[in-house]
């Protein structure tokens, strides 16, 4: 039986979401094949929580743990950390160094795609449409008026390195820009101010299985709030996630083809989720999530379910990819 470390936690505003995702993985993994352990990764310590809430520290020399006298060396890692250090490449590099297989994309891809500005620049060089934006660094001065003159209104202000819409604001007036930037800087040292693109938000999951790329059914996201913010993402009834997306066959092929092209171009691995804005005449790349939400209600599992793939099968395929 393969011993699987489901890593969760991290050091970002996505900690709780990560822990919930990991619990879903643990619950749905095939217990006849896998022996799963929840491994918490935080700046204050790496540990497995046992009975009576006892914390068993991870030996970082080989990523093993001793639980009640039993030495456990894991066969593979299921990465369920949204945010740092699991989605930005830091932890991935450690696993590469010790030769531990893991389910998500590698160090370079994770670092690149987590840095929204870098990722958009790379995607643009391949000929795909991206929203215009301005990158701000903490401590630097900037002119509110110049930014709005360049990008127009409204704009989105977001941490450059982050996820789950933590710290994001939609700005409709010049006077709102600086408070929104300050809010985003509380989450990251870089802030991306991005032009608003009016269109339909479409999510597309993709996954490589034994050299064959699976592109999942599309999902249209219709938020009850101004945009698909943290509340809309994680509060029941605050957003409609419609799978399959009610778009034309031509647009469906367009979105799926773009995702299928970007997956290898960005050197993705495992399952990922691409987010796009579809307008009347263009398809804008927003971002790719290399560790997307994987709770029962998350978008990628919804897409898998629609095509007849259970969470257990989805997670099995992710592990089979790295254990072959």
C-alpha atoms as a PDB file:
ATOM      1  CA  UNK A   1       0.000   0.000   0.000  1.00  0.00           C
ATOM      2  CA  UNK A   2       1.404   3.380  -1.046  1.00  0.00           C
ATOM      3  CA  UNK A   3       1.875   5.939   1.709  1.00  0.00           C
ATOM      4  CA  UNK A   4       0.686   9.345   0.503  1.00  0.00           C
ATOM      5  CA  UNK A   5       1.431  12.673   2.180  1.00  0.00           C
ATOM      6  CA  UNK A   6      -1.380  15.116   1.473  1.00  0.00           C
ATOM      7  CA  UNK A   7       0.348  18.431   2.115  1.00  0.00           C
ATOM      8  CA  UNK A   8      -1.845  21.321   3.214  1.00  0.00           C
ATOM      9  CA  UNK A   9      -1.828  24.611   5.090  1.00  0.00           C
ATOM     10  CA  UNK A  10       0.817  26.986   3.842  1.00  0.00           C
ATOM     11  CA  UNK A  11       1.442  30.592   4.833  1.00  0.00           C
ATOM     12  CA  UNK A  12      -1.210  32.603   3.052  1.00  0.00           C
ATOM     13  CA  UNK A  13      -4.827  33.663   3.317  1.00  0.00           C
ATOM     14  CA  UNK A  14      -5.729  30.369   1.661  1.00  0.00           C
ATOM     15  CA  UNK A  15      -4.708  28.244   4.681  1.00  0.00           C
ATOM     16  CA  UNK A  16      -8.225  27.167   5.655  1.00  0.00           C
ATOM     17  CA  UNK A  17      -9.243  26.422   2.064  1.00  0.00           C
ATOM     18  CA  UNK A  18      -6.133  24.288   1.674  1.00  0.00           C
ATOM     19  CA  UNK A  19      -6.904  22.278   4.805  1.00  0.00           C
ATOM     20  CA  UNK A  20     -10.451  21.659   3.561  1.00  0.00           C
ATOM     21  CA  UNK A  21      -9.145  20.563   0.154  1.00  0.00           C
ATOM     22  CA  UNK A  22      -6.722  18.138   1.781  1.00  0.00           C
ATOM     23  CA  UNK A  23      -9.495  16.623   3.909  1.00  0.00           C
ATOM     24  CA  UNK A  24     -11.507  15.994   0.729  1.00  0.00           C
ATOM     25  CA  UNK A  25      -8.535  14.236  -0.867  1.00  0.00           C
ATOM     26  CA  UNK A  26      -8.024  12.081   2.225  1.00  0.00           C
ATOM     27  CA  UNK A  27     -11.714  11.155   2.296  1.00  0.00           C
ATOM     28  CA  UNK A  28     -11.905  10.164  -1.367  1.00  0.00           C
ATOM     29  CA  UNK A  29      -8.602   8.369  -1.926  1.00  0.00           C
ATOM     30  CA  UNK A  30      -8.937   4.638  -2.497  1.00  0.00           C
ATOM     31  CA  UNK A  31      -8.005   3.195   0.918  1.00  0.00           C
ATOM     32  CA  UNK A  32      -7.334  -0.219  -0.646  1.00  0.00           C
ATOM     33  CA  UNK A  33      -4.463   1.299  -2.614  1.00  0.00           C
ATOM     34  CA  UNK A  34      -3.332   4.340  -0.610  1.00  0.00           C
ATOM     35  CA  UNK A  35      -2.540   5.048   3.037  1.00  0.00           C
ATOM     36  CA  UNK A  36      -3.048   8.838   3.272  1.00  0.00           C
ATOM     37  CA  UNK A  37      -1.652  11.223   5.887  1.00  0.00           C
ATOM     38  CA  UNK A  38      -2.443  14.916   6.269  1.00  0.00           C
ATOM     39  CA  UNK A  39       0.835  16.820   6.496  1.00  0.00           C
ATOM     40  CA  UNK A  40       0.631  20.441   7.598  1.00  0.00           C
ATOM     41  CA  UNK A  41       3.268  22.744   6.126  1.00  0.00           C
ATOM     42  CA  UNK A  42       3.677  26.133   7.815  1.00  0.00           C
ATOM     43  CA  UNK A  43       6.546  28.501   8.579  1.00  0.00           C
ATOM     44  CA  UNK A  44       6.322  27.456  12.225  1.00  0.00           C
ATOM     45  CA  UNK A  45       6.642  23.731  11.516  1.00  0.00           C
ATOM     46  CA  UNK A  46       5.917  20.708   9.324  1.00  0.00           C
ATOM     47  CA  UNK A  47       3.918  18.013  11.088  1.00  0.00           C
ATOM     48  CA  UNK A  48       1.303  15.284  11.024  1.00  0.00           C
ATOM     49  CA  UNK A  49      -1.543  15.645  13.519  1.00  0.00           C
ATOM     50  CA  UNK A  50      -2.321  12.378  15.297  1.00  0.00           C
ATOM     51  CA  UNK A  51      -4.829  11.308  17.903  1.00  0.00           C
ATOM     52  CA  UNK A  52      -5.477  13.706  20.808  1.00  0.00           C
ATOM     53  CA  UNK A  53      -4.154  16.466  18.547  1.00  0.00           C
ATOM     54  CA  UNK A  54      -0.540  15.357  18.998  1.00  0.00           C
ATOM     55  CA  UNK A  55       1.821  16.887  16.427  1.00  0.00           C
ATOM     56  CA  UNK A  56       4.461  14.592  14.939  1.00  0.00           C
ATOM     57  CA  UNK A  57       7.239  16.623  13.272  1.00  0.00           C
ATOM     58  CA  UNK A  58       8.387  15.870   9.732  1.00  0.00           C
ATOM     59  CA  UNK A  59      12.066  15.023   9.277  1.00  0.00           C
ATOM     60  CA  UNK A  60      13.016  17.392   6.462  1.00  0.00           C
ATOM     61  CA  UNK A  61      16.087  15.330   5.568  1.00  0.00           C
ATOM     62  CA  UNK A  62      13.916  12.770   3.798  1.00  0.00           C
ATOM     63  CA  UNK A  63      10.342  14.000   4.407  1.00  0.00           C
ATOM     64  CA  UNK A  64       9.549  11.170   6.809  1.00  0.00           C
ATOM     65  CA  UNK A  65       7.772  11.061  10.158  1.00  0.00           C
ATOM     66  CA  UNK A  66       7.869   8.914  13.285  1.00  0.00           C
ATOM     67  CA  UNK A  67       4.440   8.206  14.748  1.00  0.00           C
ATOM     68  CA  UNK A  68       4.356   6.244  17.991  1.00  0.00           C
ATOM     69  CA  UNK A  69       7.633   4.528  17.183  1.00  0.00           C
ATOM     70  CA  UNK A  70       6.723   3.740  13.575  1.00  0.00           C
ATOM     71  CA  UNK A  71       8.927   5.310  10.897  1.00  0.00           C
ATOM     72  CA  UNK A  72       6.903   6.377   7.870  1.00  0.00           C
ATOM     73  CA  UNK A  73       8.600   7.251   4.596  1.00  0.00           C
ATOM     74  CA  UNK A  74       6.142   8.533   2.024  1.00  0.00           C
ATOM     75  CA  UNK A  75       5.949   7.220  -1.539  1.00  0.00           C
ATOM     76  CA  UNK A  76       4.472  10.404  -3.018  1.00  0.00           C
ATOM     77  CA  UNK A  77       2.981  13.779  -2.194  1.00  0.00           C
ATOM     78  CA  UNK A  78      -0.484  15.011  -3.094  1.00  0.00           C
ATOM     79  CA  UNK A  79      -0.124  18.784  -3.207  1.00  0.00           C
ATOM     80  CA  UNK A  80      -3.193  20.535  -1.746  1.00  0.00           C
ATOM     81  CA  UNK A  81      -1.508  23.802  -0.745  1.00  0.00           C
ATOM     82  CA  UNK A  82      -3.135  26.809  -2.401  1.00  0.00           C
ATOM     83  CA  UNK A  83      -0.731  29.735  -2.231  1.00  0.00           C
ATOM     84  CA  UNK A  84       2.744  29.702  -0.745  1.00  0.00           C
ATOM     85  CA  UNK A  85       4.768  27.470  -0.499  1.00  0.00           C
ATOM     86  CA  UNK A  86       2.919  24.771  -2.435  1.00  0.00           C
ATOM     87  CA  UNK A  87       1.676  26.710  -5.455  1.00  0.00           C
ATOM     88  CA  UNK A  88       4.583  29.107  -6.021  1.00  0.00           C
ATOM     89  CA  UNK A  89       7.351  26.536  -6.450  1.00  0.00           C
ATOM     90  CA  UNK A  90       9.117  26.777  -3.087  1.00  0.00           C
ATOM     91  CA  UNK A  91       7.999  23.404  -1.769  1.00  0.00           C
ATOM     92  CA  UNK A  92       8.196  21.864  -5.231  1.00  0.00           C
ATOM     93  CA  UNK A  93      11.927  22.642  -5.351  1.00  0.00           C
ATOM     94  CA  UNK A  94      12.460  20.887  -2.015  1.00  0.00           C
ATOM     95  CA  UNK A  95      10.674  17.776  -3.273  1.00  0.00           C
ATOM     96  CA  UNK A  96      12.782  17.854  -6.439  1.00  0.00           C
ATOM     97  CA  UNK A  97      15.946  17.953  -4.323  1.00  0.00           C
ATOM     98  CA  UNK A  98      15.027  14.876  -2.281  1.00  0.00           C
ATOM     99  CA  UNK A  99      13.530  12.993  -5.231  1.00  0.00           C
ATOM    100  CA  UNK A 100       9.965  12.918  -3.923  1.00  0.00           C
ATOM    101  CA  UNK A 101       7.243  12.727  -6.615  1.00  0.00           C
ATOM    102  CA  UNK A 102       4.345  15.161  -6.271  1.00  0.00           C
ATOM    103  CA  UNK A 103       1.076  15.732  -8.095  1.00  0.00           C
ATOM    104  CA  UNK A 104       1.361  19.366  -9.169  1.00  0.00           C
ATOM    105  CA  UNK A 105       3.413  21.277 -11.741  1.00  0.00           C
ATOM    106  CA  UNK A 106       7.149  21.662 -11.249  1.00  0.00           C
ATOM    107  CA  UNK A 107       9.162  24.470  -9.673  1.00  0.00           C
ATOM    108  CA  UNK A 108       9.574  26.638 -12.771  1.00  0.00           C
ATOM    109  CA  UNK A 109       5.960  26.425 -13.925  1.00  0.00           C
ATOM    110  CA  UNK A 110       4.622  26.948 -10.408  1.00  0.00           C
ATOM    111  CA  UNK A 111       6.790  30.011  -9.814  1.00  0.00           C
ATOM    112  CA  UNK A 112       5.975  31.497 -13.222  1.00  0.00           C
ATOM    113  CA  UNK A 113       2.216  30.968 -13.132  1.00  0.00           C
ATOM    114  CA  UNK A 114       1.895  32.152  -9.521  1.00  0.00           C
ATOM    115  CA  UNK A 115       3.498  35.461 -10.543  1.00  0.00           C
ATOM    116  CA  UNK A 116       0.508  36.854 -12.426  1.00  0.00           C
ATOM    117  CA  UNK A 117       2.448  39.558 -14.278  1.00  0.00           C
ATOM    118  CA  UNK A 118       5.211  37.206 -15.493  1.00  0.00           C
ATOM    119  CA  UNK A 119       2.645  34.621 -16.554  1.00  0.00           C
ATOM    120  CA  UNK A 120       0.612  37.115 -18.557  1.00  0.00           C
ATOM    121  CA  UNK A 121       3.747  38.391 -20.292  1.00  0.00           C
ATOM    122  CA  UNK A 122       4.752  34.861 -21.319  1.00  0.00           C
ATOM    123  CA  UNK A 123       1.247  33.988 -22.512  1.00  0.00           C
ATOM    124  CA  UNK A 124       1.126  37.217 -24.530  1.00  0.00           C
ATOM    125  CA  UNK A 125       4.389  36.329 -26.316  1.00  0.00           C
ATOM    126  CA  UNK A 126       2.676  33.164 -27.568  1.00  0.00           C
ATOM    127  CA  UNK A 127       0.039  35.337 -29.239  1.00  0.00           C
ATOM    128  CA  UNK A 128      -2.849  35.084 -26.776  1.00  0.00           C
ATOM    129  CA  UNK A 129      -4.871  38.047 -25.511  1.00  0.00           C
ATOM    130  CA  UNK A 130      -4.336  39.363 -21.978  1.00  0.00           C
ATOM    131  CA  UNK A 131      -5.728  42.410 -20.182  1.00  0.00           C
ATOM    132  CA  UNK A 132      -3.511  45.503 -20.003  1.00  0.00           C
ATOM    133  CA  UNK A 133      -1.995  46.011 -16.561  1.00  0.00           C
ATOM    134  CA  UNK A 134       0.487  47.888 -14.390  1.00  0.00           C
ATOM    135  CA  UNK A 135       2.735  46.213 -11.809  1.00  0.00           C
ATOM    136  CA  UNK A 136       3.444  48.106  -8.556  1.00  0.00           C
ATOM    137  CA  UNK A 137       6.191  47.257  -6.080  1.00  0.00           C
ATOM    138  CA  UNK A 138       5.870  48.041  -2.377  1.00  0.00           C
ATOM    139  CA  UNK A 139       7.766  51.197  -1.455  1.00  0.00           C
ATOM    140  CA  UNK A 140       7.725  52.667  -4.956  1.00  0.00           C
ATOM    141  CA  UNK A 141       5.796  55.839  -5.733  1.00  0.00           C
ATOM    142  CA  UNK A 142       3.058  55.819  -8.347  1.00  0.00           C
ATOM    143  CA  UNK A 143       0.653  58.299  -9.905  1.00  0.00           C
ATOM    144  CA  UNK A 144      -2.997  57.322  -9.519  1.00  0.00           C
ATOM    145  CA  UNK A 145      -4.101  59.476 -12.428  1.00  0.00           C
ATOM    146  CA  UNK A 146      -1.501  58.132 -14.839  1.00  0.00           C
ATOM    147  CA  UNK A 147      -2.521  54.545 -14.101  1.00  0.00           C
ATOM    148  CA  UNK A 148      -6.207  55.278 -14.681  1.00  0.00           C
ATOM    149  CA  UNK A 149      -5.450  57.301 -17.813  1.00  0.00           C
ATOM    150  CA  UNK A 150      -3.603  54.269 -19.183  1.00  0.00           C
ATOM    151  CA  UNK A 151      -5.992  51.497 -18.098  1.00  0.00           C
ATOM    152  CA  UNK A 152      -9.319  53.325 -17.889  1.00  0.00           C
ATOM    153  CA  UNK A 153     -12.052  52.527 -15.360  1.00  0.00           C
ATOM    154  CA  UNK A 154     -12.986  50.255 -13.796  1.00  0.00           C
ATOM    155  CA  UNK A 155      -9.823  48.324 -12.914  1.00  0.00           C
ATOM    156  CA  UNK A 156      -9.079  45.283 -10.795  1.00  0.00           C
ATOM    157  CA  UNK A 157      -6.427  45.603  -8.097  1.00  0.00           C
ATOM    158  CA  UNK A 158      -4.978  42.323  -6.886  1.00  0.00           C
ATOM    159  CA  UNK A 159      -1.921  40.863  -5.137  1.00  0.00           C
ATOM    160  CA  UNK A 160       0.466  39.804  -7.898  1.00  0.00           C
ATOM    161  CA  UNK A 161       1.253  36.556  -6.085  1.00  0.00           C
ATOM    162  CA  UNK A 162      -1.858  35.071  -4.565  1.00  0.00           C
ATOM    163  CA  UNK A 163      -5.084  33.190  -5.072  1.00  0.00           C
ATOM    164  CA  UNK A 164      -8.670  32.633  -3.957  1.00  0.00           C
ATOM    165  CA  UNK A 165      -9.324  36.320  -4.729  1.00  0.00           C
ATOM    166  CA  UNK A 166      -7.803  37.331  -1.379  1.00  0.00           C
ATOM    167  CA  UNK A 167      -7.047  41.070  -1.338  1.00  0.00           C
ATOM    168  CA  UNK A 168      -8.738  41.840  -4.660  1.00  0.00           C
ATOM    169  CA  UNK A 169     -10.801  44.978  -5.277  1.00  0.00           C
ATOM    170  CA  UNK A 170     -12.756  46.374  -8.201  1.00  0.00           C
ATOM    171  CA  UNK A 171     -12.045  50.097  -8.495  1.00  0.00           C
ATOM    172  CA  UNK A 172     -14.569  52.378 -10.188  1.00  0.00           C
ATOM    173  CA  UNK A 173     -13.116  55.802  -9.327  1.00  0.00           C
ATOM    174  CA  UNK A 174      -9.627  57.281  -9.074  1.00  0.00           C
ATOM    175  CA  UNK A 175     -10.231  57.970  -5.377  1.00  0.00           C
ATOM    176  CA  UNK A 176     -10.702  54.238  -4.734  1.00  0.00           C
ATOM    177  CA  UNK A 177      -7.407  53.177  -6.277  1.00  0.00           C
ATOM    178  CA  UNK A 178      -4.966  53.922  -3.450  1.00  0.00           C
ATOM    179  CA  UNK A 179      -7.047  52.237  -0.701  1.00  0.00           C
ATOM    180  CA  UNK A 180      -7.402  49.184  -2.964  1.00  0.00           C
ATOM    181  CA  UNK A 181      -3.650  49.113  -3.610  1.00  0.00           C
ATOM    182  CA  UNK A 182      -2.961  49.369   0.142  1.00  0.00           C
ATOM    183  CA  UNK A 183      -5.344  46.470   0.742  1.00  0.00           C
ATOM    184  CA  UNK A 184      -3.560  44.313  -1.836  1.00  0.00           C
ATOM    185  CA  UNK A 185      -0.144  45.232  -0.425  1.00  0.00           C
ATOM    186  CA  UNK A 186      -1.230  43.697   2.885  1.00  0.00           C
ATOM    187  CA  UNK A 187      -1.183  40.344   1.062  1.00  0.00           C
ATOM    188  CA  UNK A 188       1.884  40.728  -1.158  1.00  0.00           C
ATOM    189  CA  UNK A 189       4.857  42.965  -1.919  1.00  0.00           C
ATOM    190  CA  UNK A 190       3.687  43.389  -5.512  1.00  0.00           C
ATOM    191  CA  UNK A 191       0.290  44.566  -6.731  1.00  0.00           C
ATOM    192  CA  UNK A 192      -1.190  44.187 -10.186  1.00  0.00           C
ATOM    193  CA  UNK A 193      -3.599  46.857 -11.442  1.00  0.00           C
ATOM    194  CA  UNK A 194      -5.463  45.323 -14.361  1.00  0.00           C
ATOM    195  CA  UNK A 195      -7.863  46.782 -16.933  1.00  0.00           C
ATOM    196  CA  UNK A 196     -11.436  45.539 -16.720  1.00  0.00           C
ATOM    197  CA  UNK A 197     -12.510  43.302 -19.593  1.00  0.00           C
ATOM    198  CA  UNK A 198     -16.265  43.040 -20.045  1.00  0.00           C
ATOM    199  CA  UNK A 199     -17.255  39.510 -20.919  1.00  0.00           C
ATOM    200  CA  UNK A 200     -18.192  36.078 -19.596  1.00  0.00           C
ATOM    201  CA  UNK A 201     -15.915  34.343 -17.094  1.00  0.00           C
ATOM    202  CA  UNK A 202     -15.138  30.816 -18.264  1.00  0.00           C
ATOM    203  CA  UNK A 203     -13.115  28.180 -16.399  1.00  0.00           C
ATOM    204  CA  UNK A 204     -11.529  25.196 -18.122  1.00  0.00           C
ATOM    205  CA  UNK A 205      -9.849  22.305 -16.337  1.00  0.00           C
ATOM    206  CA  UNK A 206      -7.151  20.236 -18.006  1.00  0.00           C
ATOM    207  CA  UNK A 207      -5.090  17.223 -16.978  1.00  0.00           C
ATOM    208  CA  UNK A 208      -2.395  15.083 -18.522  1.00  0.00           C
ATOM    209  CA  UNK A 209      -2.940  11.367 -17.955  1.00  0.00           C
ATOM    210  CA  UNK A 210      -0.187   9.045 -19.146  1.00  0.00           C
ATOM    211  CA  UNK A 211       0.731  11.378 -21.989  1.00  0.00           C
ATOM    212  CA  UNK A 212      -2.878  12.057 -23.021  1.00  0.00           C
ATOM    213  CA  UNK A 213      -4.388  15.476 -22.343  1.00  0.00           C
ATOM    214  CA  UNK A 214      -7.910  15.570 -20.938  1.00  0.00           C
ATOM    215  CA  UNK A 215      -9.777  18.869 -21.298  1.00  0.00           C
ATOM    216  CA  UNK A 216     -12.778  19.016 -18.987  1.00  0.00           C
ATOM    217  CA  UNK A 217     -16.211  20.523 -19.708  1.00  0.00           C
ATOM    218  CA  UNK A 218     -16.336  24.300 -19.346  1.00  0.00           C
ATOM    219  CA  UNK A 219     -17.867  26.235 -16.468  1.00  0.00           C
ATOM    220  CA  UNK A 220     -19.328  29.735 -16.654  1.00  0.00           C
ATOM    221  CA  UNK A 221     -19.033  31.717 -13.427  1.00  0.00           C
ATOM    222  CA  UNK A 222     -21.730  34.278 -12.688  1.00  0.00           C
ATOM    223  CA  UNK A 223     -21.034  36.098  -9.412  1.00  0.00           C
ATOM    224  CA  UNK A 224     -23.749  37.725  -7.331  1.00  0.00           C
ATOM    225  CA  UNK A 225     -21.129  40.252  -6.206  1.00  0.00           C
ATOM    226  CA  UNK A 226     -19.295  42.790  -8.338  1.00  0.00           C
ATOM    227  CA  UNK A 227     -16.878  40.030  -9.316  1.00  0.00           C
ATOM    228  CA  UNK A 228     -15.913  36.478  -8.320  1.00  0.00           C
ATOM    229  CA  UNK A 229     -14.323  37.519  -5.006  1.00  0.00           C
ATOM    230  CA  UNK A 230     -13.511  35.437  -1.909  1.00  0.00           C
ATOM    231  CA  UNK A 231     -17.067  35.672  -0.590  1.00  0.00           C
ATOM    232  CA  UNK A 232     -18.561  34.664  -3.922  1.00  0.00           C
ATOM    233  CA  UNK A 233     -16.158  31.745  -4.242  1.00  0.00           C
ATOM    234  CA  UNK A 234     -16.714  30.235  -0.824  1.00  0.00           C
ATOM    235  CA  UNK A 235     -20.215  31.309   0.255  1.00  0.00           C
ATOM    236  CA  UNK A 236     -23.068  29.138  -0.926  1.00  0.00           C
ATOM    237  CA  UNK A 237     -25.505  30.994  -3.139  1.00  0.00           C
ATOM    238  CA  UNK A 238     -23.155  33.892  -3.920  1.00  0.00           C
ATOM    239  CA  UNK A 239     -22.237  32.625  -7.387  1.00  0.00           C
ATOM    240  CA  UNK A 240     -23.666  30.431 -10.108  1.00  0.00           C
ATOM    241  CA  UNK A 241     -21.156  27.973 -11.534  1.00  0.00           C
ATOM    242  CA  UNK A 242     -22.810  26.592 -14.641  1.00  0.00           C
ATOM    243  CA  UNK A 243     -21.375  23.349 -16.038  1.00  0.00           C
ATOM    244  CA  UNK A 244     -21.381  22.905 -18.961  1.00  0.00           C
ATOM    245  CA  UNK A 245     -21.092  26.577 -19.833  1.00  0.00           C
ATOM    246  CA  UNK A 246     -24.029  27.727 -22.001  1.00  0.00           C
ATOM    247  CA  UNK A 247     -21.913  29.031 -24.875  1.00  0.00           C
ATOM    248  CA  UNK A 248     -21.847  28.271 -28.579  1.00  0.00           C
ATOM    249  CA  UNK A 249     -20.063  25.202 -29.898  1.00  0.00           C
ATOM    250  CA  UNK A 250     -17.638  27.490 -31.724  1.00  0.00           C
ATOM    251  CA  UNK A 251     -16.723  29.338 -28.519  1.00  0.00           C
ATOM    252  CA  UNK A 252     -16.456  26.063 -26.608  1.00  0.00           C
ATOM    253  CA  UNK A 253     -13.939  24.746 -29.125  1.00  0.00           C
ATOM    254  CA  UNK A 254     -12.062  28.062 -28.948  1.00  0.00           C
ATOM    255  CA  UNK A 255     -11.708  27.950 -25.162  1.00  0.00           C
ATOM    256  CA  UNK A 256     -10.825  24.255 -24.992  1.00  0.00           C
ATOM    257  CA  UNK A 257      -8.293  24.534 -27.814  1.00  0.00           C
ATOM    258  CA  UNK A 258      -6.623  27.493 -26.107  1.00  0.00           C
ATOM    259  CA  UNK A 259      -6.384  25.592 -22.807  1.00  0.00           C
ATOM    260  CA  UNK A 260      -5.017  22.532 -24.613  1.00  0.00           C
ATOM    261  CA  UNK A 261      -2.353  24.686 -26.285  1.00  0.00           C
ATOM    262  CA  UNK A 262      -1.356  26.572 -23.129  1.00  0.00           C
ATOM    263  CA  UNK A 263      -1.047  23.438 -20.966  1.00  0.00           C
ATOM    264  CA  UNK A 264       2.157  22.180 -22.669  1.00  0.00           C
ATOM    265  CA  UNK A 265       3.420  25.678 -23.494  1.00  0.00           C
ATOM    266  CA  UNK A 266       3.464  26.501 -19.765  1.00  0.00           C
ATOM    267  CA  UNK A 267       4.759  22.979 -18.988  1.00  0.00           C
ATOM    268  CA  UNK A 268       1.868  22.187 -16.661  1.00  0.00           C
ATOM    269  CA  UNK A 269       1.561  18.839 -14.893  1.00  0.00           C
ATOM    270  CA  UNK A 270      -1.328  17.142 -13.112  1.00  0.00           C
ATOM    271  CA  UNK A 271      -4.696  18.865 -13.105  1.00  0.00           C
ATOM    272  CA  UNK A 272      -4.913  22.638 -13.515  1.00  0.00           C
ATOM    273  CA  UNK A 273      -7.664  25.185 -14.128  1.00  0.00           C
ATOM    274  CA  UNK A 274      -7.460  27.948 -16.724  1.00  0.00           C
ATOM    275  CA  UNK A 275      -9.565  31.080 -16.246  1.00  0.00           C
ATOM    276  CA  UNK A 276     -10.612  33.166 -19.240  1.00  0.00           C
ATOM    277  CA  UNK A 277     -12.845  36.112 -20.107  1.00  0.00           C
ATOM    278  CA  UNK A 278     -14.825  35.491 -23.293  1.00  0.00           C
ATOM    279  CA  UNK A 279     -15.959  38.615 -25.154  1.00  0.00           C
ATOM    280  CA  UNK A 280     -17.850  38.958 -28.424  1.00  0.00           C
ATOM    281  CA  UNK A 281     -14.645  38.935 -30.443  1.00  0.00           C
ATOM    282  CA  UNK A 282     -11.775  37.877 -28.162  1.00  0.00           C
ATOM    283  CA  UNK A 283     -10.705  35.365 -25.526  1.00  0.00           C
ATOM    284  CA  UNK A 284      -8.612  36.840 -22.711  1.00  0.00           C
ATOM    285  CA  UNK A 285      -6.328  34.663 -20.578  1.00  0.00           C
ATOM    286  CA  UNK A 286      -6.675  35.632 -16.910  1.00  0.00           C
ATOM    287  CA  UNK A 287      -4.621  33.033 -15.065  1.00  0.00           C
ATOM    288  CA  UNK A 288      -3.908  29.352 -14.577  1.00  0.00           C
ATOM    289  CA  UNK A 289      -4.287  27.700 -11.170  1.00  0.00           C
ATOM    290  CA  UNK A 290      -1.763  24.888 -10.773  1.00  0.00           C
ATOM    291  CA  UNK A 291      -3.318  23.809  -7.447  1.00  0.00           C
ATOM    292  CA  UNK A 292      -7.009  24.523  -8.045  1.00  0.00           C
ATOM    293  CA  UNK A 293      -9.752  24.051  -5.487  1.00  0.00           C
ATOM    294  CA  UNK A 294     -10.685  20.384  -5.092  1.00  0.00           C
ATOM    295  CA  UNK A 295     -13.559  20.304  -2.627  1.00  0.00           C
ATOM    296  CA  UNK A 296     -16.784  18.602  -3.720  1.00  0.00           C
ATOM    297  CA  UNK A 297     -18.200  22.022  -4.649  1.00  0.00           C
ATOM    298  CA  UNK A 298     -15.098  23.339  -6.453  1.00  0.00           C
ATOM    299  CA  UNK A 299     -15.140  24.018 -10.175  1.00  0.00           C
ATOM    300  CA  UNK A 300     -12.754  21.311 -11.410  1.00  0.00           C
ATOM    301  CA  UNK A 301     -14.525  18.488  -9.506  1.00  0.00           C
ATOM    302  CA  UNK A 302     -17.837  19.778 -10.927  1.00  0.00           C
ATOM    303  CA  UNK A 303     -16.395  19.506 -14.420  1.00  0.00           C
ATOM    304  CA  UNK A 304     -15.041  16.016 -13.746  1.00  0.00           C
ATOM    305  CA  UNK A 305     -18.392  14.887 -12.347  1.00  0.00           C
ATOM    306  CA  UNK A 306     -20.227  16.137 -15.438  1.00  0.00           C
ATOM    307  CA  UNK A 307     -18.054  13.926 -17.651  1.00  0.00           C
ATOM    308  CA  UNK A 308     -18.620  10.952 -15.341  1.00  0.00           C
ATOM    309  CA  UNK A 309     -15.363  11.086 -13.378  1.00  0.00           C
ATOM    310  CA  UNK A 310     -15.659  10.767  -9.594  1.00  0.00           C
ATOM    311  CA  UNK A 311     -13.370  12.573  -7.166  1.00  0.00           C
ATOM    312  CA  UNK A 312     -11.847   9.225  -6.253  1.00  0.00           C
ATOM    313  CA  UNK A 313     -10.988   8.583  -9.910  1.00  0.00           C
ATOM    314  CA  UNK A 314      -9.687  12.142 -10.392  1.00  0.00           C
ATOM    315  CA  UNK A 315      -7.342  11.797  -7.426  1.00  0.00           C
ATOM    316  CA  UNK A 316      -6.308   8.270  -8.444  1.00  0.00           C
ATOM    317  CA  UNK A 317      -5.305   9.530 -11.889  1.00  0.00           C
ATOM    318  CA  UNK A 318      -3.265  12.349 -10.342  1.00  0.00           C
ATOM    319  CA  UNK A 319      -1.305   9.838  -8.269  1.00  0.00           C
ATOM    320  CA  UNK A 320      -1.012   7.233 -11.005  1.00  0.00           C
ATOM    321  CA  UNK A 321       0.691   9.898 -13.129  1.00  0.00           C
ATOM    322  CA  UNK A 322       3.599  10.126 -10.693  1.00  0.00           C
ATOM    323  CA  UNK A 323       3.745   6.566  -9.349  1.00  0.00           C
ATOM    324  CA  UNK A 324       4.081   4.751 -12.698  1.00  0.00           C
END
